Structures are given as C-alpha cells and as structure tokens.
Amino acid sequence: MNSYNPWHEWMQQMFRQVEQQQRLIEELQNKIEHLQANVQPKTVIEKIEYHFDQLKIETLEGTLQIGLTPNGSDLSDVGDLYTQKTNTEDPILHTLHTFMTEDIPHWMAQYIRDHDLNVSEQHQQQIVADVQKQLSQRVEYYKNQDTEMDATAVVHQIQTEIRSSIAQYLDTFQGDDFE
C-alpha cells in the first residue's frame, strides 16, 4: 500500500502541471487573438528607385520634379523645394520667370513638334510650373557655387539647364494617353 501513494502523488502532480500548461496555452491564444484583432498590418516602404525610361504615367497629378535640383544640395526632402520663399525682386529671378512664361512654352511646343511627341497642353503647363518652383533654389545654388559669377552668366547657365532638363524629360516621356 505504501507503493501506491508515491504513484498517486506523481500522477496528481503531472495532472496539475498539464492543467497549468493548458491554462497558459489558452491565455497565450487569447492574447494572440486580441493582438491580431487590434493590429492593422502596416506597409513600410524603405526605398523607392525609379528611372524615367521605365516609368509609365497613366494619370498625372501633383507636382512633377524634372531634376533641376542637383545631388548634394541642401534639400533633405522634395517638400523643401516649396517651403523656401521666392524673391521676385531679384533681377535674375525676374528674368528667369519671364523666360519660363514667354520663351519656354514656345521652345517646348517646337521641341514636341520636332520630336513628334504626344504631350498635352496641361502637361506642358505643369512642366513649366514645376520648373518655376525650383528657380530660386537654382539661383542660390549658382550664387553659392561661384561668388564671382555675374547675373548674366547665372541666367544663361540656368536657361541652358532648364532646356536640357526638359528635353531629357520629354525624350524619356512615353506621351499622354488619350484613351
């Protein structure tokens, strides 16, 4: 009779451990269900790389960045382009704004015709508006690059850069879709 008691105690101990583990499993399952019910899946995009030659635009909304801001500029975000004040009293900026509103639309229209491109009038206006937003940044960039550079040289350099950037963009643009 004495041998029965240790087996009985051992069985009770095992039974208690199994019950304890079963409660723990149920508690963990409840926590998992609670977490799954309350947590929305989040998508994290760490890095996006795109190349204009691989980009197909189906709808055009927002701001178009044509690439007048050089690598290594003080801009840490695309939004920085729009937070800086434009000084319209600056004669360089005045000349460039006139260039953008009077010369570039005609030049771009001719370029589009010469290269048989399909670019809507609205898209052309967006390109001009986007470049205009970047003008003050470009003027400051060139003024800081070479303090000896005179206003005429700055204007000429930026005008050349504008034509080159727009031409490069249009050469890789697949055309507006009029479906």
N, C-alpha and C. Protein backbone atom coordinates (compact mmCIF):
# COMPACT_ATOMS: atom_id res chain seq x y z
N MET A 1 0.80 -1.19 0.00
CA MET A 1 0.00 0.00 0.00
C MET A 1 0.85 1.26 0.00
N ASN A 2 1.97 1.07 0.47
CA ASN A 2 2.86 2.19 0.53
C ASN A 2 3.35 2.59 -0.86
N SER A 3 3.49 1.66 -1.78
CA SER A 3 3.96 1.97 -3.12
C SER A 3 2.89 2.70 -3.94
N TYR A 4 1.64 2.59 -3.57
CA TYR A 4 0.56 3.26 -4.26
C TYR A 4 0.62 4.77 -4.06
N ASN A 5 0.97 5.22 -2.90
CA ASN A 5 0.98 6.62 -2.56
C ASN A 5 1.95 7.45 -3.42
N PRO A 6 3.21 7.03 -3.63
CA PRO A 6 4.07 7.85 -4.50
C PRO A 6 3.56 7.92 -5.94
N TRP A 7 2.99 6.87 -6.47
CA TRP A 7 2.44 6.92 -7.83
C TRP A 7 1.24 7.85 -7.89
N HIS A 8 0.46 7.77 -6.89
CA HIS A 8 -0.73 8.63 -6.84
C HIS A 8 -0.31 10.10 -6.77
N GLU A 9 0.66 10.44 -5.96
CA GLU A 9 1.17 11.80 -5.84
C GLU A 9 1.81 12.28 -7.16
N TRP A 10 2.56 11.37 -7.76
CA TRP A 10 3.21 11.71 -9.03
C TRP A 10 2.17 11.99 -10.11
N MET A 11 1.10 11.20 -10.16
CA MET A 11 0.04 11.38 -11.14
C MET A 11 -0.70 12.71 -10.89
N GLN A 12 -0.94 13.03 -9.65
CA GLN A 12 -1.61 14.28 -9.32
C GLN A 12 -0.72 15.48 -9.71
N GLN A 13 0.56 15.35 -9.45
CA GLN A 13 1.49 16.41 -9.81
C GLN A 13 1.52 16.61 -11.33
N MET A 14 1.55 15.51 -12.06
CA MET A 14 1.54 15.58 -13.53
C MET A 14 0.23 16.19 -14.02
N PHE A 15 -0.87 15.82 -13.42
CA PHE A 15 -2.17 16.34 -13.79
C PHE A 15 -2.21 17.85 -13.55
N ARG A 16 -1.68 18.32 -12.42
CA ARG A 16 -1.64 19.75 -12.12
C ARG A 16 -0.77 20.50 -13.14
N GLN A 17 0.36 19.91 -13.49
CA GLN A 17 1.25 20.55 -14.47
C GLN A 17 0.58 20.63 -15.84
N VAL A 18 -0.11 19.58 -16.23
CA VAL A 18 -0.82 19.58 -17.51
C VAL A 18 -1.91 20.65 -17.51
N GLU A 19 -2.67 20.74 -16.40
CA GLU A 19 -3.71 21.78 -16.28
C GLU A 19 -3.10 23.18 -16.35
N GLN A 20 -1.98 23.37 -15.65
CA GLN A 20 -1.30 24.66 -15.64
C GLN A 20 -0.82 25.03 -17.06
N GLN A 21 -0.27 24.08 -17.76
CA GLN A 21 0.19 24.33 -19.13
C GLN A 21 -1.00 24.60 -20.06
N GLN A 22 -2.11 23.90 -19.83
CA GLN A 22 -3.30 24.12 -20.64
C GLN A 22 -3.84 25.53 -20.44
N ARG A 23 -3.87 26.03 -19.18
CA ARG A 23 -4.31 27.40 -18.90
C ARG A 23 -3.37 28.41 -19.57
N LEU A 24 -2.08 28.14 -19.49
CA LEU A 24 -1.10 29.03 -20.12
C LEU A 24 -1.29 29.08 -21.63
N ILE A 25 -1.53 27.94 -22.24
CA ILE A 25 -1.77 27.88 -23.69
C ILE A 25 -3.02 28.67 -24.05
N GLU A 26 -4.09 28.50 -23.29
CA GLU A 26 -5.33 29.24 -23.56
C GLU A 26 -5.12 30.74 -23.40
N GLU A 27 -4.39 31.14 -22.37
CA GLU A 27 -4.10 32.55 -22.13
C GLU A 27 -3.29 33.14 -23.29
N LEU A 28 -2.30 32.41 -23.75
CA LEU A 28 -1.49 32.88 -24.88
C LEU A 28 -2.31 32.96 -26.16
N GLN A 29 -3.20 31.99 -26.39
CA GLN A 29 -4.06 32.03 -27.57
C GLN A 29 -4.98 33.24 -27.53
N ASN A 30 -5.50 33.54 -26.35
CA ASN A 30 -6.37 34.72 -26.22
C ASN A 30 -5.59 36.00 -26.51
N LYS A 31 -4.37 36.09 -26.01
CA LYS A 31 -3.54 37.27 -26.27
C LYS A 31 -3.25 37.40 -27.77
N ILE A 32 -2.93 36.29 -28.41
CA ILE A 32 -2.65 36.31 -29.86
C ILE A 32 -3.88 36.78 -30.63
N GLU A 33 -5.06 36.25 -30.29
CA GLU A 33 -6.29 36.66 -30.96
C GLU A 33 -6.56 38.15 -30.74
N HIS A 34 -6.33 38.62 -29.53
CA HIS A 34 -6.53 40.03 -29.21
C HIS A 34 -5.58 40.91 -30.02
N LEU A 35 -4.32 40.52 -30.10
CA LEU A 35 -3.34 41.29 -30.87
C LEU A 35 -3.67 41.30 -32.36
N GLN A 36 -4.07 40.15 -32.86
CA GLN A 36 -4.40 40.07 -34.28
C GLN A 36 -5.63 40.90 -34.62
N ALA A 37 -6.58 40.98 -33.70
CA ALA A 37 -7.79 41.75 -33.94
C ALA A 37 -7.53 43.25 -33.90
N ASN A 38 -6.56 43.70 -33.09
CA ASN A 38 -6.32 45.13 -32.91
C ASN A 38 -5.24 45.70 -33.79
N VAL A 39 -4.37 44.90 -34.32
CA VAL A 39 -3.23 45.40 -35.09
C VAL A 39 -3.58 45.38 -36.57
N GLN A 40 -3.49 46.57 -37.17
CA GLN A 40 -3.66 46.70 -38.61
C GLN A 40 -2.31 46.44 -39.26
N PRO A 41 -2.28 45.68 -40.32
CA PRO A 41 -0.98 45.46 -40.98
C PRO A 41 -0.45 46.78 -41.54
N LYS A 42 0.81 47.05 -41.31
CA LYS A 42 1.44 48.28 -41.80
C LYS A 42 2.40 47.95 -42.91
N THR A 43 2.38 48.78 -43.92
CA THR A 43 3.30 48.63 -45.03
C THR A 43 4.40 49.66 -44.87
N VAL A 44 5.62 49.19 -44.88
CA VAL A 44 6.76 50.09 -44.75
C VAL A 44 7.54 50.04 -46.06
N ILE A 45 7.68 51.20 -46.69
CA ILE A 45 8.45 51.29 -47.93
C ILE A 45 9.75 51.98 -47.58
N GLU A 46 10.82 51.25 -47.63
CA GLU A 46 12.10 51.80 -47.21
C GLU A 46 12.76 52.64 -48.29
N LYS A 47 12.70 52.18 -49.53
CA LYS A 47 13.41 52.90 -50.58
C LYS A 47 12.70 52.66 -51.91
N ILE A 48 12.51 53.75 -52.65
CA ILE A 48 11.91 53.64 -53.98
C ILE A 48 12.91 54.21 -54.98
N GLU A 49 13.22 53.42 -55.96
CA GLU A 49 14.08 53.90 -57.04
C GLU A 49 13.27 53.83 -58.33
N TYR A 50 13.37 54.86 -59.14
CA TYR A 50 12.69 54.83 -60.43
C TYR A 50 13.58 55.46 -61.48
N HIS A 51 13.32 55.06 -62.69
CA HIS A 51 14.07 55.58 -63.83
C HIS A 51 13.04 56.03 -64.85
N PHE A 52 13.22 57.23 -65.42
CA PHE A 52 12.23 57.73 -66.35
C PHE A 52 12.03 56.81 -67.54
N ASP A 53 13.06 56.11 -67.96
CA ASP A 53 12.89 55.24 -69.11
C ASP A 53 12.03 54.03 -68.79
N GLN A 54 11.79 53.76 -67.53
CA GLN A 54 10.96 52.63 -67.11
C GLN A 54 9.63 53.09 -66.53
N LEU A 55 9.38 54.37 -66.47
CA LEU A 55 8.21 54.92 -65.81
C LEU A 55 7.09 55.13 -66.81
N LYS A 56 5.90 54.60 -66.50
CA LYS A 56 4.73 54.83 -67.34
C LYS A 56 3.73 55.60 -66.49
N ILE A 57 3.36 56.78 -66.94
CA ILE A 57 2.42 57.61 -66.21
C ILE A 57 1.05 57.45 -66.85
N GLU A 58 0.09 56.95 -66.04
CA GLU A 58 -1.27 56.80 -66.56
C GLU A 58 -2.13 58.01 -66.22
N THR A 59 -1.95 58.55 -65.02
CA THR A 59 -2.63 59.79 -64.68
C THR A 59 -1.57 60.72 -64.11
N LEU A 60 -1.72 61.97 -64.43
CA LEU A 60 -0.73 62.95 -63.98
C LEU A 60 -1.39 63.87 -62.97
N GLU A 61 -0.96 63.74 -61.71
CA GLU A 61 -1.48 64.59 -60.64
C GLU A 61 -0.32 65.00 -59.77
N GLY A 62 -0.45 66.09 -59.09
CA GLY A 62 0.58 66.50 -58.15
C GLY A 62 1.66 67.31 -58.83
N THR A 63 2.84 67.21 -58.27
CA THR A 63 3.96 68.01 -58.74
C THR A 63 4.96 67.14 -59.47
N LEU A 64 5.41 67.61 -60.58
CA LEU A 64 6.36 66.88 -61.40
C LEU A 64 7.75 67.43 -61.13
N GLN A 65 8.67 66.58 -60.71
CA GLN A 65 10.04 67.00 -60.45
C GLN A 65 10.88 66.65 -61.68
N ILE A 66 11.47 67.64 -62.30
CA ILE A 66 12.20 67.42 -63.54
C ILE A 66 13.69 67.27 -63.31
N GLY A 67 14.17 67.56 -62.16
CA GLY A 67 15.57 67.29 -61.87
C GLY A 67 16.49 68.48 -61.95
N LEU A 68 16.01 69.64 -61.61
CA LEU A 68 16.89 70.80 -61.61
C LEU A 68 17.67 70.93 -60.31
N THR A 69 17.25 70.21 -59.28
CA THR A 69 17.96 70.27 -58.01
C THR A 69 19.11 69.29 -58.05
N PRO A 70 20.33 69.74 -57.88
CA PRO A 70 21.48 68.85 -58.03
C PRO A 70 21.66 67.94 -56.83
N ASN A 71 22.35 66.84 -57.05
CA ASN A 71 22.72 65.99 -55.93
C ASN A 71 23.66 66.78 -55.04
N GLY A 72 23.54 66.56 -53.75
CA GLY A 72 24.41 67.26 -52.83
C GLY A 72 23.90 68.63 -52.44
N SER A 73 22.67 68.98 -52.83
CA SER A 73 22.14 70.27 -52.42
C SER A 73 21.70 70.19 -50.97
N ASP A 74 21.30 71.31 -50.42
CA ASP A 74 20.90 71.36 -49.02
C ASP A 74 19.51 70.80 -48.79
N LEU A 75 18.83 70.37 -49.82
CA LEU A 75 17.47 69.87 -49.66
C LEU A 75 17.50 68.45 -49.08
N SER A 76 16.75 68.26 -48.02
CA SER A 76 16.67 66.92 -47.45
C SER A 76 15.39 66.23 -47.87
N ASP A 77 14.47 66.96 -48.46
CA ASP A 77 13.18 66.40 -48.84
C ASP A 77 12.66 67.20 -50.04
N VAL A 78 11.84 66.55 -50.87
CA VAL A 78 11.26 67.24 -52.01
C VAL A 78 10.41 68.41 -51.55
N GLY A 79 9.78 68.29 -50.39
CA GLY A 79 8.96 69.37 -49.86
C GLY A 79 9.75 70.63 -49.59
N ASP A 80 11.07 70.50 -49.37
CA ASP A 80 11.90 71.67 -49.12
C ASP A 80 11.90 72.63 -50.30
N LEU A 81 11.64 72.12 -51.50
CA LEU A 81 11.61 72.98 -52.68
C LEU A 81 10.50 74.02 -52.57
N TYR A 82 9.43 73.67 -51.87
CA TYR A 82 8.26 74.52 -51.85
C TYR A 82 8.14 75.36 -50.58
N THR A 83 8.99 75.13 -49.62
CA THR A 83 8.90 75.88 -48.37
C THR A 83 9.78 77.12 -48.40
N GLN A 84 10.63 77.22 -49.37
CA GLN A 84 11.53 78.37 -49.41
C GLN A 84 10.86 79.52 -50.15
N LYS A 85 11.11 80.72 -49.70
CA LYS A 85 10.50 81.92 -50.27
C LYS A 85 11.14 82.27 -51.62
N THR A 86 10.30 82.70 -52.55
CA THR A 86 10.79 83.17 -53.84
C THR A 86 10.87 84.69 -53.80
N ASN A 87 12.04 85.20 -54.06
CA ASN A 87 12.24 86.65 -54.04
C ASN A 87 12.05 87.16 -55.46
N THR A 88 10.85 87.70 -55.74
CA THR A 88 10.56 88.14 -57.10
C THR A 88 11.23 89.48 -57.41
N GLU A 89 11.82 90.13 -56.41
CA GLU A 89 12.53 91.39 -56.65
C GLU A 89 13.92 91.14 -57.24
N ASP A 90 14.42 89.94 -57.12
CA ASP A 90 15.74 89.60 -57.65
C ASP A 90 15.69 89.69 -59.18
N PRO A 91 16.55 90.50 -59.79
CA PRO A 91 16.51 90.64 -61.25
C PRO A 91 16.79 89.32 -61.98
N ILE A 92 17.60 88.48 -61.40
CA ILE A 92 17.87 87.17 -62.03
C ILE A 92 16.59 86.35 -62.07
N LEU A 93 15.89 86.30 -60.93
CA LEU A 93 14.63 85.54 -60.88
C LEU A 93 13.58 86.14 -61.81
N HIS A 94 13.54 87.46 -61.85
CA HIS A 94 12.58 88.12 -62.75
C HIS A 94 12.85 87.72 -64.20
N THR A 95 14.12 87.75 -64.59
CA THR A 95 14.49 87.36 -65.95
C THR A 95 14.14 85.90 -66.22
N LEU A 96 14.40 85.04 -65.25
CA LEU A 96 14.11 83.61 -65.43
C LEU A 96 12.61 83.34 -65.47
N HIS A 97 11.83 84.03 -64.64
CA HIS A 97 10.37 83.85 -64.69
C HIS A 97 9.82 84.30 -66.04
N THR A 98 10.35 85.41 -66.56
CA THR A 98 9.94 85.87 -67.89
C THR A 98 10.31 84.83 -68.94
N PHE A 99 11.49 84.28 -68.84
CA PHE A 99 11.96 83.22 -69.74
C PHE A 99 11.02 82.03 -69.69
N MET A 100 10.60 81.65 -68.47
CA MET A 100 9.73 80.48 -68.30
C MET A 100 8.33 80.72 -68.86
N THR A 101 7.83 81.93 -68.76
CA THR A 101 6.46 82.20 -69.21
C THR A 101 6.38 82.58 -70.68
N GLU A 102 7.45 83.17 -71.24
CA GLU A 102 7.40 83.63 -72.62
C GLU A 102 8.17 82.74 -73.59
N ASP A 103 9.36 82.32 -73.21
CA ASP A 103 10.21 81.58 -74.15
C ASP A 103 10.02 80.06 -74.09
N ILE A 104 10.00 79.53 -72.90
CA ILE A 104 9.96 78.06 -72.74
C ILE A 104 8.70 77.43 -73.34
N PRO A 105 7.50 78.01 -73.17
CA PRO A 105 6.33 77.36 -73.79
C PRO A 105 6.47 77.23 -75.32
N HIS A 106 7.01 78.26 -75.96
CA HIS A 106 7.21 78.20 -77.42
C HIS A 106 8.31 77.19 -77.76
N TRP A 107 9.40 77.24 -77.01
CA TRP A 107 10.50 76.31 -77.26
C TRP A 107 10.03 74.87 -77.06
N MET A 108 9.26 74.63 -75.98
CA MET A 108 8.78 73.28 -75.70
C MET A 108 7.82 72.80 -76.78
N ALA A 109 6.93 73.66 -77.23
CA ALA A 109 5.99 73.30 -78.30
C ALA A 109 6.75 72.91 -79.57
N GLN A 110 7.78 73.67 -79.90
CA GLN A 110 8.60 73.36 -81.08
C GLN A 110 9.33 72.03 -80.89
N TYR A 111 9.88 71.83 -79.71
CA TYR A 111 10.60 70.58 -79.41
C TYR A 111 9.66 69.38 -79.54
N ILE A 112 8.44 69.53 -79.04
CA ILE A 112 7.45 68.45 -79.10
C ILE A 112 7.09 68.16 -80.55
N ARG A 113 6.91 69.21 -81.35
CA ARG A 113 6.61 69.01 -82.78
C ARG A 113 7.78 68.35 -83.49
N ASP A 114 8.98 68.84 -83.24
CA ASP A 114 10.17 68.31 -83.92
C ASP A 114 10.41 66.84 -83.60
N HIS A 115 10.06 66.44 -82.40
CA HIS A 115 10.30 65.06 -81.98
C HIS A 115 9.04 64.20 -82.02
N ASP A 116 7.96 64.75 -82.59
CA ASP A 116 6.70 64.04 -82.76
C ASP A 116 6.25 63.38 -81.46
N LEU A 117 6.16 64.19 -80.41
CA LEU A 117 5.76 63.71 -79.09
C LEU A 117 4.30 64.03 -78.83
N ASN A 118 3.68 63.27 -77.95
CA ASN A 118 2.29 63.45 -77.59
C ASN A 118 2.24 63.97 -76.15
N VAL A 119 2.26 65.30 -76.00
CA VAL A 119 2.25 65.91 -74.67
C VAL A 119 1.13 66.95 -74.65
N SER A 120 0.20 66.78 -73.74
CA SER A 120 -0.95 67.69 -73.67
C SER A 120 -0.52 69.09 -73.22
N GLU A 121 -1.37 70.06 -73.53
CA GLU A 121 -1.12 71.45 -73.12
C GLU A 121 -1.06 71.54 -71.60
N GLN A 122 -1.94 70.83 -70.92
CA GLN A 122 -1.95 70.83 -69.45
C GLN A 122 -0.64 70.28 -68.90
N HIS A 123 -0.15 69.22 -69.50
CA HIS A 123 1.11 68.62 -69.06
C HIS A 123 2.27 69.61 -69.28
N GLN A 124 2.27 70.29 -70.40
CA GLN A 124 3.31 71.28 -70.67
C GLN A 124 3.27 72.40 -69.63
N GLN A 125 2.07 72.83 -69.27
CA GLN A 125 1.93 73.87 -68.25
C GLN A 125 2.43 73.38 -66.89
N GLN A 126 2.19 72.11 -66.59
CA GLN A 126 2.67 71.56 -65.33
C GLN A 126 4.20 71.52 -65.30
N ILE A 127 4.79 71.19 -66.42
CA ILE A 127 6.26 71.16 -66.51
C ILE A 127 6.81 72.57 -66.24
N VAL A 128 6.23 73.57 -66.89
CA VAL A 128 6.69 74.95 -66.71
C VAL A 128 6.51 75.37 -65.25
N ALA A 129 5.35 75.07 -64.67
CA ALA A 129 5.08 75.45 -63.28
C ALA A 129 6.05 74.76 -62.32
N ASP A 130 6.35 73.51 -62.58
CA ASP A 130 7.27 72.77 -61.71
C ASP A 130 8.67 73.37 -61.76
N VAL A 131 9.12 73.70 -62.96
CA VAL A 131 10.46 74.28 -63.10
C VAL A 131 10.50 75.66 -62.43
N GLN A 132 9.43 76.43 -62.59
CA GLN A 132 9.39 77.76 -61.98
C GLN A 132 9.53 77.68 -60.46
N LYS A 133 8.96 76.65 -59.85
CA LYS A 133 9.04 76.50 -58.40
C LYS A 133 10.47 76.24 -57.94
N GLN A 134 11.31 75.78 -58.84
CA GLN A 134 12.68 75.44 -58.48
C GLN A 134 13.69 76.55 -58.80
N LEU A 135 13.24 77.61 -59.42
CA LEU A 135 14.16 78.65 -59.89
C LEU A 135 14.95 79.32 -58.77
N SER A 136 14.29 79.71 -57.70
CA SER A 136 15.02 80.42 -56.63
C SER A 136 16.10 79.52 -56.03
N GLN A 137 15.82 78.23 -55.93
CA GLN A 137 16.81 77.28 -55.41
C GLN A 137 18.02 77.19 -56.34
N ARG A 138 17.75 77.17 -57.64
CA ARG A 138 18.84 77.07 -58.61
C ARG A 138 19.68 78.34 -58.62
N VAL A 139 19.04 79.52 -58.50
CA VAL A 139 19.79 80.78 -58.47
C VAL A 139 20.71 80.78 -57.25
N GLU A 140 20.18 80.40 -56.10
CA GLU A 140 21.00 80.35 -54.88
C GLU A 140 22.15 79.36 -55.04
N TYR A 141 21.87 78.23 -55.68
CA TYR A 141 22.90 77.22 -55.89
C TYR A 141 24.08 77.81 -56.68
N TYR A 142 23.78 78.47 -57.79
CA TYR A 142 24.85 79.03 -58.62
C TYR A 142 25.54 80.21 -57.95
N LYS A 143 24.79 81.01 -57.22
CA LYS A 143 25.42 82.12 -56.50
C LYS A 143 26.39 81.60 -55.44
N ASN A 144 26.03 80.50 -54.78
CA ASN A 144 26.91 79.91 -53.76
C ASN A 144 28.08 79.15 -54.37
N GLN A 145 27.91 78.62 -55.57
CA GLN A 145 28.97 77.86 -56.24
C GLN A 145 30.13 78.78 -56.62
N ASP A 146 29.79 79.91 -57.20
CA ASP A 146 30.82 80.83 -57.68
C ASP A 146 30.36 82.26 -57.39
N THR A 147 30.91 82.85 -56.36
CA THR A 147 30.50 84.20 -55.98
C THR A 147 30.94 85.24 -57.01
N GLU A 148 31.88 84.89 -57.86
CA GLU A 148 32.36 85.80 -58.91
C GLU A 148 31.46 85.79 -60.14
N MET A 149 30.57 84.80 -60.26
CA MET A 149 29.72 84.66 -61.43
C MET A 149 28.73 85.81 -61.50
N ASP A 150 28.68 86.51 -62.64
CA ASP A 150 27.77 87.64 -62.76
C ASP A 150 26.36 87.16 -63.10
N ALA A 151 25.40 88.07 -63.01
CA ALA A 151 23.99 87.74 -63.19
C ALA A 151 23.71 87.16 -64.57
N THR A 152 24.34 87.69 -65.59
CA THR A 152 24.12 87.20 -66.96
C THR A 152 24.57 85.75 -67.09
N ALA A 153 25.71 85.43 -66.48
CA ALA A 153 26.21 84.05 -66.54
C ALA A 153 25.29 83.10 -65.79
N VAL A 154 24.77 83.54 -64.65
CA VAL A 154 23.84 82.70 -63.87
C VAL A 154 22.58 82.44 -64.69
N VAL A 155 22.03 83.49 -65.27
CA VAL A 155 20.82 83.34 -66.08
C VAL A 155 21.08 82.40 -67.24
N HIS A 156 22.17 82.59 -67.95
CA HIS A 156 22.49 81.74 -69.10
C HIS A 156 22.65 80.27 -68.66
N GLN A 157 23.36 80.05 -67.56
CA GLN A 157 23.58 78.68 -67.08
C GLN A 157 22.25 78.00 -66.73
N ILE A 158 21.38 78.71 -66.04
CA ILE A 158 20.10 78.12 -65.64
C ILE A 158 19.20 77.92 -66.85
N GLN A 159 19.20 78.84 -67.80
CA GLN A 159 18.40 78.66 -69.02
C GLN A 159 18.85 77.41 -69.78
N THR A 160 20.15 77.23 -69.88
CA THR A 160 20.68 76.04 -70.55
C THR A 160 20.26 74.77 -69.80
N GLU A 161 20.36 74.83 -68.49
CA GLU A 161 19.98 73.70 -67.66
C GLU A 161 18.49 73.37 -67.79
N ILE A 162 17.66 74.39 -67.85
CA ILE A 162 16.21 74.20 -68.00
C ILE A 162 15.90 73.50 -69.31
N ARG A 163 16.46 74.01 -70.41
CA ARG A 163 16.21 73.38 -71.72
C ARG A 163 16.69 71.93 -71.73
N SER A 164 17.86 71.73 -71.18
CA SER A 164 18.43 70.37 -71.16
C SER A 164 17.58 69.42 -70.32
N SER A 165 17.14 69.88 -69.16
CA SER A 165 16.33 69.03 -68.28
C SER A 165 14.98 68.71 -68.89
N ILE A 166 14.35 69.72 -69.46
CA ILE A 166 13.04 69.49 -70.09
C ILE A 166 13.19 68.57 -71.29
N ALA A 167 14.23 68.78 -72.10
CA ALA A 167 14.46 67.91 -73.26
C ALA A 167 14.70 66.48 -72.81
N GLN A 168 15.49 66.31 -71.77
CA GLN A 168 15.77 64.96 -71.26
C GLN A 168 14.48 64.31 -70.76
N TYR A 169 13.67 65.06 -70.05
CA TYR A 169 12.39 64.53 -69.57
C TYR A 169 11.49 64.14 -70.75
N LEU A 170 11.35 65.05 -71.72
CA LEU A 170 10.47 64.78 -72.86
C LEU A 170 10.97 63.60 -73.69
N ASP A 171 12.29 63.43 -73.80
CA ASP A 171 12.84 62.32 -74.56
C ASP A 171 12.49 60.97 -73.93
N THR A 172 12.33 60.95 -72.61
CA THR A 172 12.01 59.69 -71.94
C THR A 172 10.52 59.55 -71.66
N PHE A 173 9.76 60.61 -71.92
CA PHE A 173 8.31 60.60 -71.66
C PHE A 173 7.63 59.75 -72.72
N GLN A 174 6.70 58.91 -72.29
CA GLN A 174 6.01 57.98 -73.20
C GLN A 174 4.80 58.63 -73.89
N GLY A 175 4.45 59.82 -73.52
CA GLY A 175 3.33 60.52 -74.14
C GLY A 175 2.08 60.44 -73.29
N ASP A 176 1.23 61.45 -73.44
CA ASP A 176 -0.05 61.47 -72.72
C ASP A 176 -0.97 60.45 -73.37
N ASP A 177 -1.72 59.73 -72.55
CA ASP A 177 -2.64 58.71 -73.03
C ASP A 177 -4.04 59.30 -73.12
N PHE A 178 -4.59 59.34 -74.31
CA PHE A 178 -5.91 59.94 -74.51
C PHE A 178 -6.99 58.89 -74.72
N GLU A 179 -6.97 57.81 -73.97
CA GLU A 179 -7.97 56.75 -74.16
C GLU A 179 -9.29 57.13 -73.55
